[in-house]
Amino acid sequence: MGALTEAPGVLCAALTTYVTPVDVMDLLGCKLSKAYGTIRAINEFARQNNQFGYDGGKASKYIFADKFGIPIDVVDSIIEKNKK
């Protein structure tokens, strides 16, 4: 996969557009059950506002960052750290 992101014509690796429970735990310093509850709440908020709500323990990182006042670059760094 690393070679693919460095191939000619590839601008950058695809960005992840969602947070997982592990990301939420790291960003908020909460336990797993609270992280899942937060993800459910974000997805419900998104659906009520005619936005895309993820399934399977994922939520929009943009809505998450906005709701909790966390800069998106901080969210992206945690997502990237947890991917490894």
C-alpha atoms as a PDB file:
ATOM      1  CA  MET A   1       0.000   0.000   0.000  1.00  0.00           C
ATOM      2  CA  GLY A   2       2.879   2.383   0.747  1.00  0.00           C
ATOM      3  CA  ALA A   3       4.203   2.070  -2.799  1.00  0.00           C
ATOM      4  CA  LEU A   4       0.799   2.897  -4.216  1.00  0.00           C
ATOM      5  CA  THR A   5       0.676   6.250  -2.434  1.00  0.00           C
ATOM      6  CA  GLU A   6       4.088   7.109  -3.858  1.00  0.00           C
ATOM      7  CA  ALA A   7       3.322   6.045  -7.447  1.00  0.00           C
ATOM      8  CA  PRO A   8       3.579   8.643 -10.222  1.00  0.00           C
ATOM      9  CA  GLY A   9       0.371  10.599 -10.648  1.00  0.00           C
ATOM     10  CA  VAL A  10      -0.927   9.919  -7.128  1.00  0.00           C
ATOM     11  CA  LEU A  11      -1.449  13.211  -5.318  1.00  0.00           C
ATOM     12  CA  CYS A  12      -1.905  11.805  -1.821  1.00  0.00           C
ATOM     13  CA  ALA A  13      -3.347   8.902   0.105  1.00  0.00           C
ATOM     14  CA  ALA A  14      -7.107   8.833   0.492  1.00  0.00           C
ATOM     15  CA  LEU A  15      -8.351  10.719   3.525  1.00  0.00           C
ATOM     16  CA  THR A  16     -10.401   9.011   6.178  1.00  0.00           C
ATOM     17  CA  THR A  17     -13.662  10.887   6.689  1.00  0.00           C
ATOM     18  CA  TYR A  18     -14.821   9.177   9.860  1.00  0.00           C
ATOM     19  CA  VAL A  19     -13.816   8.582  13.462  1.00  0.00           C
ATOM     20  CA  THR A  20     -13.947   5.206  15.180  1.00  0.00           C
ATOM     21  CA  PRO A  21     -14.566   4.458  18.865  1.00  0.00           C
ATOM     22  CA  VAL A  22     -10.799   4.193  19.451  1.00  0.00           C
ATOM     23  CA  ASP A  23     -10.314   7.654  17.917  1.00  0.00           C
ATOM     24  CA  VAL A  24     -13.099   9.092  20.093  1.00  0.00           C
ATOM     25  CA  MET A  25     -11.583   7.483  23.195  1.00  0.00           C
ATOM     26  CA  ASP A  26      -8.214   9.092  22.444  1.00  0.00           C
ATOM     27  CA  LEU A  27      -9.680  12.499  21.630  1.00  0.00           C
ATOM     28  CA  LEU A  28     -12.119  12.743  24.532  1.00  0.00           C
ATOM     29  CA  GLY A  29     -10.338  10.580  27.095  1.00  0.00           C
ATOM     30  CA  CYS A  30     -13.440   8.473  27.640  1.00  0.00           C
ATOM     31  CA  LYS A  31     -14.215   4.773  27.883  1.00  0.00           C
ATOM     32  CA  LEU A  32     -15.383   2.559  25.026  1.00  0.00           C
ATOM     33  CA  SER A  33     -19.080   2.613  25.961  1.00  0.00           C
ATOM     34  CA  LYS A  34     -19.098   6.445  26.038  1.00  0.00           C
ATOM     35  CA  ALA A  35     -17.285   6.519  22.679  1.00  0.00           C
ATOM     36  CA  TYR A  36     -19.974   4.341  21.090  1.00  0.00           C
ATOM     37  CA  GLY A  37     -22.683   6.536  22.626  1.00  0.00           C
ATOM     38  CA  THR A  38     -20.996   9.626  21.199  1.00  0.00           C
ATOM     39  CA  ILE A  39     -20.826   8.027  17.754  1.00  0.00           C
ATOM     40  CA  ARG A  40     -24.521   7.096  17.916  1.00  0.00           C
ATOM     41  CA  ALA A  41     -25.410  10.668  18.917  1.00  0.00           C
ATOM     42  CA  ILE A  42     -23.362  12.164  16.060  1.00  0.00           C
ATOM     43  CA  ASN A  43     -24.956   9.832  13.510  1.00  0.00           C
ATOM     44  CA  GLU A  44     -28.439  10.633  14.825  1.00  0.00           C
ATOM     45  CA  PHE A  45     -27.660  14.369  14.609  1.00  0.00           C
ATOM     46  CA  ALA A  46     -26.418  13.911  11.034  1.00  0.00           C
ATOM     47  CA  ARG A  47     -29.531  12.020   9.950  1.00  0.00           C
ATOM     48  CA  GLN A  48     -31.850  14.586  11.571  1.00  0.00           C
ATOM     49  CA  ASN A  49     -30.081  17.300   9.582  1.00  0.00           C
ATOM     50  CA  ASN A  50     -30.291  15.386   6.285  1.00  0.00           C
ATOM     51  CA  GLN A  51     -26.598  14.545   6.312  1.00  0.00           C
ATOM     52  CA  PHE A  52     -24.867  11.214   5.893  1.00  0.00           C
ATOM     53  CA  GLY A  53     -24.834   9.009   8.991  1.00  0.00           C
ATOM     54  CA  TYR A  54     -22.357   6.143   9.071  1.00  0.00           C
ATOM     55  CA  ASP A  55     -23.135   2.608  10.218  1.00  0.00           C
ATOM     56  CA  GLY A  56     -20.962   0.148  12.105  1.00  0.00           C
ATOM     57  CA  GLY A  57     -19.292   2.268  14.775  1.00  0.00           C
ATOM     58  CA  LYS A  58     -18.176   5.181  12.617  1.00  0.00           C
ATOM     59  CA  ALA A  59     -19.158   8.849  12.595  1.00  0.00           C
ATOM     60  CA  SER A  60     -18.265  11.875  10.480  1.00  0.00           C
ATOM     61  CA  LYS A  61     -15.018  13.389  11.677  1.00  0.00           C
ATOM     62  CA  TYR A  62     -16.208  16.823  10.543  1.00  0.00           C
ATOM     63  CA  ILE A  63     -19.367  16.765  12.649  1.00  0.00           C
ATOM     64  CA  PHE A  64     -17.406  15.302  15.574  1.00  0.00           C
ATOM     65  CA  ALA A  65     -14.754  18.034  15.374  1.00  0.00           C
ATOM     66  CA  ASP A  66     -17.411  20.746  15.126  1.00  0.00           C
ATOM     67  CA  LYS A  67     -19.493  19.403  18.045  1.00  0.00           C
ATOM     68  CA  PHE A  68     -16.520  19.144  20.401  1.00  0.00           C
ATOM     69  CA  GLY A  69     -14.541  22.158  19.162  1.00  0.00           C
ATOM     70  CA  ILE A  70     -11.501  20.083  18.244  1.00  0.00           C
ATOM     71  CA  PRO A  71      -9.414  21.318  15.295  1.00  0.00           C
ATOM     72  CA  ILE A  72      -9.702  18.979  12.319  1.00  0.00           C
ATOM     73  CA  ASP A  73      -5.911  18.633  12.062  1.00  0.00           C
ATOM     74  CA  VAL A  74      -5.844  17.227  15.610  1.00  0.00           C
ATOM     75  CA  VAL A  75      -8.600  14.765  14.705  1.00  0.00           C
ATOM     76  CA  ASP A  76      -6.701  13.772  11.548  1.00  0.00           C
ATOM     77  CA  SER A  77      -3.487  13.179  13.504  1.00  0.00           C
ATOM     78  CA  ILE A  78      -5.272  10.839  15.958  1.00  0.00           C
ATOM     79  CA  ILE A  79      -6.964   8.973  13.098  1.00  0.00           C
ATOM     80  CA  GLU A  80      -3.613   8.550  11.364  1.00  0.00           C
ATOM     81  CA  LYS A  81      -1.929   7.386  14.607  1.00  0.00           C
ATOM     82  CA  ASN A  82      -4.641   4.777  15.205  1.00  0.00           C
ATOM     83  CA  LYS A  83      -4.480   3.423  11.634  1.00  0.00           C
ATOM     84  CA  LYS A  84      -1.019   1.996  12.277  1.00  0.00           C
END
